[in-house]
Amino acid sequence: MIWRKHALERMLERGLSRDDVKRVLSRGEQIEDYPSDSPFPSGLFLATIGTKVIHIVAALDVENEVIYIISAYEPDEEHFETDMRIRRHRK
């Protein structure tokens, strides 16, 4: 795993640990797929860890077997439906 500076800064601000991120990626589900992202395809992953619902954006470099952690956050109902799986469309 390679941790992007942005992800680590946001995790610190949001009280999320590296273990939280690893749990989401190992136990959670992929709720969005971004196959056209560059330089590597990425996705949005969701899991509940303790009482927190957590989203992780991660990209996979298959050739080098590396996962890049791009962002980590707790979703909110302003941006997602109550199940935290479906994005709300902005008007």
PDB file of N, CA and C in Angstrom:
ATOM      1  N   MET A   1       0.839  -1.189   0.000  1.00  0.00           N
ATOM      2  CA  MET A   1       0.000   0.000   0.000  1.00  0.00           C
ATOM      3  C   MET A   1       0.874   1.238   0.000  1.00  0.00           C
ATOM      4  N   ILE A   2       0.445   2.192  -0.812  1.00  0.00           N
ATOM      5  CA  ILE A   2       1.102   3.490  -0.818  1.00  0.00           C
ATOM      6  C   ILE A   2       0.053   4.512  -0.396  1.00  0.00           C
ATOM      7  N   TRP A   3       0.406   5.284   0.602  1.00  0.00           N
ATOM      8  CA  TRP A   3      -0.500   6.256   1.205  1.00  0.00           C
ATOM      9  C   TRP A   3      -0.208   7.640   0.634  1.00  0.00           C
ATOM     10  N   ARG A   4      -1.135   8.192  -0.092  1.00  0.00           N
ATOM     11  CA  ARG A   4      -0.975   9.537  -0.634  1.00  0.00           C
ATOM     12  C   ARG A   4      -1.012  10.546   0.512  1.00  0.00           C
ATOM     13  N   LYS A   5      -0.227  11.606   0.366  1.00  0.00           N
ATOM     14  CA  LYS A   5      -0.155  12.641   1.402  1.00  0.00           C
ATOM     15  C   LYS A   5      -1.547  13.182   1.712  1.00  0.00           C
ATOM     16  N   HIS A   6      -2.332  13.435   0.682  1.00  0.00           N
ATOM     17  CA  HIS A   6      -3.692  13.949   0.859  1.00  0.00           C
ATOM     18  C   HIS A   6      -4.502  13.010   1.748  1.00  0.00           C
ATOM     19  N   ALA A   7      -4.414  11.720   1.492  1.00  0.00           N
ATOM     20  CA  ALA A   7      -5.176  10.749   2.277  1.00  0.00           C
ATOM     21  C   ALA A   7      -4.738  10.777   3.737  1.00  0.00           C
ATOM     22  N   LEU A   8      -3.451  10.790   3.988  1.00  0.00           N
ATOM     23  CA  LEU A   8      -2.949  10.792   5.365  1.00  0.00           C
ATOM     24  C   LEU A   8      -3.352  12.069   6.106  1.00  0.00           C
ATOM     25  N   GLU A   9      -3.291  13.201   5.420  1.00  0.00           N
ATOM     26  CA  GLU A   9      -3.707  14.458   6.058  1.00  0.00           C
ATOM     27  C   GLU A   9      -5.183  14.426   6.417  1.00  0.00           C
ATOM     28  N   ARG A  10      -6.006  13.955   5.496  1.00  0.00           N
ATOM     29  CA  ARG A  10      -7.450  13.895   5.742  1.00  0.00           C
ATOM     30  C   ARG A  10      -7.785  12.868   6.823  1.00  0.00           C
ATOM     31  N   MET A  11      -7.089  11.746   6.816  1.00  0.00           N
ATOM     32  CA  MET A  11      -7.326  10.733   7.849  1.00  0.00           C
ATOM     33  C   MET A  11      -7.042  11.309   9.227  1.00  0.00           C
ATOM     34  N   LEU A  12      -5.948  12.035   9.363  1.00  0.00           N
ATOM     35  CA  LEU A  12      -5.586  12.647  10.633  1.00  0.00           C
ATOM     36  C   LEU A  12      -6.668  13.634  11.070  1.00  0.00           C
ATOM     37  N   GLU A  13      -7.110  14.488  10.138  1.00  0.00           N
ATOM     38  CA  GLU A  13      -8.164  15.465  10.430  1.00  0.00           C
ATOM     39  C   GLU A  13      -9.457  14.792  10.857  1.00  0.00           C
ATOM     40  N   ARG A  14      -9.745  13.628  10.275  1.00  0.00           N
ATOM     41  CA  ARG A  14     -11.037  12.963  10.461  1.00  0.00           C
ATOM     42  C   ARG A  14     -11.003  11.842  11.496  1.00  0.00           C
ATOM     43  N   GLY A  15      -9.867  11.654  12.129  1.00  0.00           N
ATOM     44  CA  GLY A  15      -9.771  10.631  13.176  1.00  0.00           C
ATOM     45  C   GLY A  15      -9.838   9.208  12.653  1.00  0.00           C
ATOM     46  N   LEU A  16      -9.344   8.998  11.428  1.00  0.00           N
ATOM     47  CA  LEU A  16      -9.335   7.661  10.835  1.00  0.00           C
ATOM     48  C   LEU A  16      -7.910   7.112  10.850  1.00  0.00           C
ATOM     49  N   SER A  17      -7.782   5.846  11.144  1.00  0.00           N
ATOM     50  CA  SER A  17      -6.454   5.226  11.222  1.00  0.00           C
ATOM     51  C   SER A  17      -6.154   4.396   9.973  1.00  0.00           C
ATOM     52  N   ARG A  18      -4.897   4.032   9.839  1.00  0.00           N
ATOM     53  CA  ARG A  18      -4.512   3.126   8.745  1.00  0.00           C
ATOM     54  C   ARG A  18      -5.226   1.789   8.899  1.00  0.00           C
ATOM     55  N   ASP A  19      -5.395   1.337  10.148  1.00  0.00           N
ATOM     56  CA  ASP A  19      -6.124   0.086  10.373  1.00  0.00           C
ATOM     57  C   ASP A  19      -7.566   0.198   9.904  1.00  0.00           C
ATOM     58  N   ASP A  20      -8.214   1.360  10.118  1.00  0.00           N
ATOM     59  CA  ASP A  20      -9.579   1.570   9.624  1.00  0.00           C
ATOM     60  C   ASP A  20      -9.617   1.385   8.111  1.00  0.00           C
ATOM     61  N   VAL A  21      -8.670   1.998   7.422  1.00  0.00           N
ATOM     62  CA  VAL A  21      -8.617   1.911   5.957  1.00  0.00           C
ATOM     63  C   VAL A  21      -8.417   0.464   5.518  1.00  0.00           C
ATOM     64  N   LYS A  22      -7.505  -0.225   6.149  1.00  0.00           N
ATOM     65  CA  LYS A  22      -7.253  -1.627   5.799  1.00  0.00           C
ATOM     66  C   LYS A  22      -8.488  -2.492   6.031  1.00  0.00           C
ATOM     67  N   ARG A  23      -9.222  -2.210   7.114  1.00  0.00           N
ATOM     68  CA  ARG A  23     -10.457  -2.973   7.391  1.00  0.00           C
ATOM     69  C   ARG A  23     -11.501  -2.726   6.311  1.00  0.00           C
ATOM     70  N   VAL A  24     -11.645  -1.461   5.895  1.00  0.00           N
ATOM     71  CA  VAL A  24     -12.617  -1.154   4.833  1.00  0.00           C
ATOM     72  C   VAL A  24     -12.260  -1.915   3.567  1.00  0.00           C
ATOM     73  N   LEU A  25     -10.996  -1.905   3.192  1.00  0.00           N
ATOM     74  CA  LEU A  25     -10.597  -2.573   1.951  1.00  0.00           C
ATOM     75  C   LEU A  25     -10.694  -4.091   2.051  1.00  0.00           C
ATOM     76  N   SER A  26     -10.501  -4.646   3.234  1.00  0.00           N
ATOM     77  CA  SER A  26     -10.550  -6.109   3.357  1.00  0.00           C
ATOM     78  C   SER A  26     -11.956  -6.638   3.621  1.00  0.00           C
ATOM     79  N   ARG A  27     -12.801  -5.850   4.283  1.00  0.00           N
ATOM     80  CA  ARG A  27     -14.131  -6.341   4.665  1.00  0.00           C
ATOM     81  C   ARG A  27     -15.280  -5.641   3.956  1.00  0.00           C
ATOM     82  N   GLY A  28     -14.981  -4.491   3.370  1.00  0.00           N
ATOM     83  CA  GLY A  28     -16.040  -3.673   2.795  1.00  0.00           C
ATOM     84  C   GLY A  28     -16.429  -4.089   1.396  1.00  0.00           C
ATOM     85  N   GLU A  29     -17.208  -3.228   0.786  1.00  0.00           N
ATOM     86  CA  GLU A  29     -17.660  -3.489  -0.583  1.00  0.00           C
ATOM     87  C   GLU A  29     -17.340  -2.307  -1.476  1.00  0.00           C
ATOM     88  N   GLN A  30     -17.107  -2.599  -2.733  1.00  0.00           N
ATOM     89  CA  GLN A  30     -16.878  -1.544  -3.706  1.00  0.00           C
ATOM     90  C   GLN A  30     -18.227  -1.054  -4.167  1.00  0.00           C
ATOM     91  N   ILE A  31     -18.476   0.260  -4.005  1.00  0.00           N
ATOM     92  CA  ILE A  31     -19.782   0.805  -4.369  1.00  0.00           C
ATOM     93  C   ILE A  31     -19.736   1.664  -5.631  1.00  0.00           C
ATOM     94  N   GLU A  32     -18.547   2.077  -6.043  1.00  0.00           N
ATOM     95  CA  GLU A  32     -18.383   2.790  -7.306  1.00  0.00           C
ATOM     96  C   GLU A  32     -17.088   2.318  -7.943  1.00  0.00           C
ATOM     97  N   ASP A  33     -17.082   2.312  -9.268  1.00  0.00           N
ATOM     98  CA  ASP A  33     -15.927   1.856 -10.033  1.00  0.00           C
ATOM     99  C   ASP A  33     -15.542   2.954 -11.009  1.00  0.00           C
ATOM    100  N   TYR A  34     -14.248   3.285 -11.037  1.00  0.00           N
ATOM    101  CA  TYR A  34     -13.751   4.321 -11.932  1.00  0.00           C
ATOM    102  C   TYR A  34     -12.672   3.718 -12.837  1.00  0.00           C
ATOM    103  N   PRO A  35     -13.065   2.890 -13.797  1.00  0.00           N
ATOM    104  CA  PRO A  35     -12.087   2.178 -14.621  1.00  0.00           C
ATOM    105  C   PRO A  35     -11.254   3.086 -15.523  1.00  0.00           C
ATOM    106  N   SER A  36     -11.729   4.295 -15.790  1.00  0.00           N
ATOM    107  CA  SER A  36     -11.007   5.204 -16.684  1.00  0.00           C
ATOM    108  C   SER A  36     -10.050   6.132 -15.956  1.00  0.00           C
ATOM    109  N   ASP A  37     -10.004   6.051 -14.620  1.00  0.00           N
ATOM    110  CA  ASP A  37      -9.079   6.907 -13.880  1.00  0.00           C
ATOM    111  C   ASP A  37      -7.645   6.638 -14.311  1.00  0.00           C
ATOM    112  N   SER A  38      -6.852   7.699 -14.241  1.00  0.00           N
ATOM    113  CA  SER A  38      -5.471   7.604 -14.672  1.00  0.00           C
ATOM    114  C   SER A  38      -4.566   8.087 -13.539  1.00  0.00           C
ATOM    115  N   PRO A  39      -3.469   7.466 -13.315  1.00  0.00           N
ATOM    116  CA  PRO A  39      -2.827   6.453 -14.139  1.00  0.00           C
ATOM    117  C   PRO A  39      -3.324   5.032 -13.886  1.00  0.00           C
ATOM    118  N   PHE A  40      -4.169   4.828 -12.833  1.00  0.00           N
ATOM    119  CA  PHE A  40      -4.668   3.492 -12.533  1.00  0.00           C
ATOM    120  C   PHE A  40      -6.164   3.555 -12.262  1.00  0.00           C
ATOM    121  N   PRO A  41      -6.893   2.498 -12.610  1.00  0.00           N
ATOM    122  CA  PRO A  41      -8.315   2.457 -12.276  1.00  0.00           C
ATOM    123  C   PRO A  41      -8.491   2.507 -10.753  1.00  0.00           C
ATOM    124  N   SER A  42      -9.573   3.126 -10.324  1.00  0.00           N
ATOM    125  CA  SER A  42      -9.808   3.244  -8.889  1.00  0.00           C
ATOM    126  C   SER A  42     -11.260   2.926  -8.576  1.00  0.00           C
ATOM    127  N   GLY A  43     -11.577   2.976  -7.293  1.00  0.00           N
ATOM    128  CA  GLY A  43     -12.933   2.694  -6.871  1.00  0.00           C
ATOM    129  C   GLY A  43     -13.201   3.302  -5.509  1.00  0.00           C
ATOM    130  N   LEU A  44     -14.483   3.342  -5.175  1.00  0.00           N
ATOM    131  CA  LEU A  44     -14.942   3.826  -3.881  1.00  0.00           C
ATOM    132  C   LEU A  44     -15.417   2.623  -3.090  1.00  0.00           C
ATOM    133  N   PHE A  45     -14.889   2.477  -1.878  1.00  0.00           N
ATOM    134  CA  PHE A  45     -15.180   1.329  -1.026  1.00  0.00           C
ATOM    135  C   PHE A  45     -15.874   1.804   0.239  1.00  0.00           C
ATOM    136  N   LEU A  46     -16.767   0.966   0.765  1.00  0.00           N
ATOM    137  CA  LEU A  46     -17.575   1.307   1.925  1.00  0.00           C
ATOM    138  C   LEU A  46     -17.548   0.176   2.935  1.00  0.00           C
ATOM    139  N   ALA A  47     -17.457   0.542   4.216  1.00  0.00           N
ATOM    140  CA  ALA A  47     -17.632  -0.421   5.302  1.00  0.00           C
ATOM    141  C   ALA A  47     -17.981   0.347   6.565  1.00  0.00           C
ATOM    142  N   THR A  48     -18.588  -0.348   7.499  1.00  0.00           N
ATOM    143  CA  THR A  48     -18.838   0.204   8.818  1.00  0.00           C
ATOM    144  C   THR A  48     -17.794  -0.376   9.754  1.00  0.00           C
ATOM    145  N   ILE A  49     -17.058   0.499  10.406  1.00  0.00           N
ATOM    146  CA  ILE A  49     -16.027   0.096  11.353  1.00  0.00           C
ATOM    147  C   ILE A  49     -16.451   0.665  12.706  1.00  0.00           C
ATOM    148  N   GLY A  50     -16.809  -0.209  13.634  1.00  0.00           N
ATOM    149  CA  GLY A  50     -17.365   0.264  14.903  1.00  0.00           C
ATOM    150  C   GLY A  50     -18.665   0.977  14.622  1.00  0.00           C
ATOM    151  N   THR A  51     -18.732   2.248  14.983  1.00  0.00           N
ATOM    152  CA  THR A  51     -19.946   3.034  14.725  1.00  0.00           C
ATOM    153  C   THR A  51     -19.804   3.953  13.520  1.00  0.00           C
ATOM    154  N   LYS A  52     -18.642   3.922  12.865  1.00  0.00           N
ATOM    155  CA  LYS A  52     -18.371   4.818  11.744  1.00  0.00           C
ATOM    156  C   LYS A  52     -18.615   4.134  10.408  1.00  0.00           C
ATOM    157  N   VAL A  53     -19.317   4.835   9.522  1.00  0.00           N
ATOM    158  CA  VAL A  53     -19.389   4.429   8.121  1.00  0.00           C
ATOM    159  C   VAL A  53     -18.230   5.147   7.438  1.00  0.00           C
ATOM    160  N   ILE A  54     -17.402   4.387   6.729  1.00  0.00           N
ATOM    161  CA  ILE A  54     -16.201   4.953   6.131  1.00  0.00           C
ATOM    162  C   ILE A  54     -16.157   4.663   4.633  1.00  0.00           C
ATOM    163  N   HIS A  55     -15.772   5.669   3.882  1.00  0.00           N
ATOM    164  CA  HIS A  55     -15.513   5.529   2.450  1.00  0.00           C
ATOM    165  C   HIS A  55     -14.010   5.651   2.220  1.00  0.00           C
ATOM    166  N   ILE A  56     -13.499   4.820   1.336  1.00  0.00           N
ATOM    167  CA  ILE A  56     -12.111   4.872   0.922  1.00  0.00           C
ATOM    168  C   ILE A  56     -12.078   4.942  -0.594  1.00  0.00           C
ATOM    169  N   VAL A  57     -11.296   5.860  -1.131  1.00  0.00           N
ATOM    170  CA  VAL A  57     -11.018   5.882  -2.564  1.00  0.00           C
ATOM    171  C   VAL A  57      -9.614   5.314  -2.723  1.00  0.00           C
ATOM    172  N   ALA A  58      -9.515   4.261  -3.522  1.00  0.00           N
ATOM    173  CA  ALA A  58      -8.229   3.599  -3.718  1.00  0.00           C
ATOM    174  C   ALA A  58      -8.061   3.229  -5.184  1.00  0.00           C
ATOM    175  N   ALA A  59      -6.807   3.243  -5.636  1.00  0.00           N
ATOM    176  CA  ALA A  59      -6.471   2.863  -7.011  1.00  0.00           C
ATOM    177  C   ALA A  59      -5.565   1.640  -6.972  1.00  0.00           C
ATOM    178  N   LEU A  60      -5.681   0.810  -7.994  1.00  0.00           N
ATOM    179  CA  LEU A  60      -4.907  -0.428  -8.042  1.00  0.00           C
ATOM    180  C   LEU A  60      -3.997  -0.449  -9.258  1.00  0.00           C
ATOM    181  N   ASP A  61      -2.711  -0.603  -8.968  1.00  0.00           N
ATOM    182  CA  ASP A  61      -1.704  -0.823 -10.007  1.00  0.00           C
ATOM    183  C   ASP A  61      -1.485  -2.333 -10.052  1.00  0.00           C
ATOM    184  N   VAL A  62      -2.189  -2.999 -10.948  1.00  0.00           N
ATOM    185  CA  VAL A  62      -2.157  -4.464 -11.028  1.00  0.00           C
ATOM    186  C   VAL A  62      -0.762  -4.968 -11.352  1.00  0.00           C
ATOM    187  N   GLU A  63      -0.115  -4.335 -12.300  1.00  0.00           N
ATOM    188  CA  GLU A  63       1.205  -4.789 -12.751  1.00  0.00           C
ATOM    189  C   GLU A  63       2.222  -4.832 -11.614  1.00  0.00           C
ATOM    190  N   ASN A  64       2.201  -3.815 -10.757  1.00  0.00           N
ATOM    191  CA  ASN A  64       3.165  -3.745  -9.662  1.00  0.00           C
ATOM    192  C   ASN A  64       2.598  -4.207  -8.315  1.00  0.00           C
ATOM    193  N   GLU A  65       1.343  -4.643  -8.332  1.00  0.00           N
ATOM    194  CA  GLU A  65       0.656  -5.126  -7.137  1.00  0.00           C
ATOM    195  C   GLU A  65       0.699  -4.100  -6.003  1.00  0.00           C
ATOM    196  N   VAL A  66       0.285  -2.871  -6.339  1.00  0.00           N
ATOM    197  CA  VAL A  66       0.288  -1.776  -5.380  1.00  0.00           C
ATOM    198  C   VAL A  66      -1.112  -1.172  -5.311  1.00  0.00           C
ATOM    199  N   ILE A  67      -1.565  -0.892  -4.089  1.00  0.00           N
ATOM    200  CA  ILE A  67      -2.813  -0.172  -3.871  1.00  0.00           C
ATOM    201  C   ILE A  67      -2.450   1.232  -3.399  1.00  0.00           C
ATOM    202  N   TYR A  68      -2.988   2.229  -4.068  1.00  0.00           N
ATOM    203  CA  TYR A  68      -2.778   3.616  -3.672  1.00  0.00           C
ATOM    204  C   TYR A  68      -4.001   4.093  -2.900  1.00  0.00           C
ATOM    205  N   ILE A  69      -3.793   4.564  -1.690  1.00  0.00           N
ATOM    206  CA  ILE A  69      -4.883   5.110  -0.896  1.00  0.00           C
ATOM    207  C   ILE A  69      -4.964   6.601  -1.222  1.00  0.00           C
ATOM    208  N   ILE A  70      -6.081   6.995  -1.818  1.00  0.00           N
ATOM    209  CA  ILE A  70      -6.241   8.354  -2.319  1.00  0.00           C
ATOM    210  C   ILE A  70      -6.985   9.240  -1.323  1.00  0.00           C
ATOM    211  N   SER A  71      -8.050   8.706  -0.730  1.00  0.00           N
ATOM    212  CA  SER A  71      -8.820   9.494   0.226  1.00  0.00           C
ATOM    213  C   SER A  71      -9.564   8.572   1.180  1.00  0.00           C
ATOM    214  N   ALA A  72      -9.899   9.110   2.349  1.00  0.00           N
ATOM    215  CA  ALA A  72     -10.660   8.379   3.356  1.00  0.00           C
ATOM    216  C   ALA A  72     -11.539   9.380   4.097  1.00  0.00           C
ATOM    217  N   TYR A  73     -12.824   9.051   4.241  1.00  0.00           N
ATOM    218  CA  TYR A  73     -13.734   9.984   4.897  1.00  0.00           C
ATOM    219  C   TYR A  73     -14.993   9.273   5.368  1.00  0.00           C
ATOM    220  N   GLU A  74     -15.734   9.951   6.244  1.00  0.00           N
ATOM    221  CA  GLU A  74     -17.047   9.492   6.655  1.00  0.00           C
ATOM    222  C   GLU A  74     -18.062  10.215   5.774  1.00  0.00           C
ATOM    223  N   PRO A  75     -18.838   9.482   4.989  1.00  0.00           N
ATOM    224  CA  PRO A  75     -19.810  10.130   4.101  1.00  0.00           C
ATOM    225  C   PRO A  75     -20.935  10.781   4.909  1.00  0.00           C
ATOM    226  N   ASP A  76     -21.635  11.724   4.271  1.00  0.00           N
ATOM    227  CA  ASP A  76     -22.754  12.383   4.938  1.00  0.00           C
ATOM    228  C   ASP A  76     -23.978  12.380   4.028  1.00  0.00           C
ATOM    229  N   GLU A  77     -25.129  12.685   4.621  1.00  0.00           N
ATOM    230  CA  GLU A  77     -26.385  12.644   3.869  1.00  0.00           C
ATOM    231  C   GLU A  77     -26.546  13.827   2.918  1.00  0.00           C
ATOM    232  N   GLU A  78     -25.674  14.794   2.999  1.00  0.00           N
ATOM    233  CA  GLU A  78     -25.703  15.876   2.018  1.00  0.00           C
ATOM    234  C   GLU A  78     -25.239  15.362   0.656  1.00  0.00           C
ATOM    235  N   HIS A  79     -24.304  14.414   0.668  1.00  0.00           N
ATOM    236  CA  HIS A  79     -23.716  13.905  -0.571  1.00  0.00           C
ATOM    237  C   HIS A  79     -24.165  12.497  -0.945  1.00  0.00           C
ATOM    238  N   PHE A  80     -24.683  11.739   0.030  1.00  0.00           N
ATOM    239  CA  PHE A  80     -25.089  10.353  -0.204  1.00  0.00           C
ATOM    240  C   PHE A  80     -26.468  10.092   0.382  1.00  0.00           C
ATOM    241  N   GLU A  81     -27.163   9.126  -0.221  1.00  0.00           N
ATOM    242  CA  GLU A  81     -28.434   8.680   0.336  1.00  0.00           C
ATOM    243  C   GLU A  81     -28.184   8.110   1.731  1.00  0.00           C
ATOM    244  N   THR A  82     -29.245   7.836   2.495  1.00  0.00           N
ATOM    245  CA  THR A  82     -29.085   7.390   3.884  1.00  0.00           C
ATOM    246  C   THR A  82     -28.316   6.082   4.015  1.00  0.00           C
ATOM    247  N   ASP A  83     -28.295   5.259   2.953  1.00  0.00           N
ATOM    248  CA  ASP A  83     -27.526   4.011   3.009  1.00  0.00           C
ATOM    249  C   ASP A  83     -26.037   4.245   2.775  1.00  0.00           C
ATOM    250  N   MET A  84     -25.658   5.469   2.430  1.00  0.00           N
ATOM    251  CA  MET A  84     -24.280   5.897   2.171  1.00  0.00           C
ATOM    252  C   MET A  84     -23.642   5.183   0.979  1.00  0.00           C
ATOM    253  N   ARG A  85     -24.468   4.543   0.138  1.00  0.00           N
ATOM    254  CA  ARG A  85     -23.975   3.828  -1.037  1.00  0.00           C
ATOM    255  C   ARG A  85     -24.240   4.589  -2.337  1.00  0.00           C
ATOM    256  N   ILE A  86     -25.267   5.405  -2.347  1.00  0.00           N
ATOM    257  CA  ILE A  86     -25.700   6.064  -3.582  1.00  0.00           C
ATOM    258  C   ILE A  86     -25.533   7.570  -3.440  1.00  0.00           C
ATOM    259  N   ARG A  87     -24.834   8.171  -4.407  1.00  0.00           N
ATOM    260  CA  ARG A  87     -24.619   9.619  -4.399  1.00  0.00           C
ATOM    261  C   ARG A  87     -25.921  10.355  -4.663  1.00  0.00           C
ATOM    262  N   ARG A  88     -26.074  11.443  -3.967  1.00  0.00           N
ATOM    263  CA  ARG A  88     -27.192  12.345  -4.261  1.00  0.00           C
ATOM    264  C   ARG A  88     -26.782  13.199  -5.457  1.00  0.00           C
ATOM    265  N   HIS A  89     -27.714  13.441  -6.330  1.00  0.00           N
ATOM    266  CA  HIS A  89     -27.419  14.290  -7.492  1.00  0.00           C
ATOM    267  C   HIS A  89     -27.656  15.736  -7.116  1.00  0.00           C
ATOM    268  N   ARG A  90     -26.676  16.553  -7.408  1.00  0.00           N
ATOM    269  CA  ARG A  90     -26.797  17.984  -7.112  1.00  0.00           C
ATOM    270  C   ARG A  90     -27.657  18.641  -8.161  1.00  0.00           C
ATOM    271  N   LYS A  91     -28.402  19.625  -7.721  1.00  0.00           N
ATOM    272  CA  LYS A  91     -29.296  20.358  -8.639  1.00  0.00           C
ATOM    273  C   LYS A  91     -28.661  21.634  -9.087  1.00  0.00           C
TER     274      LYS A  91
END
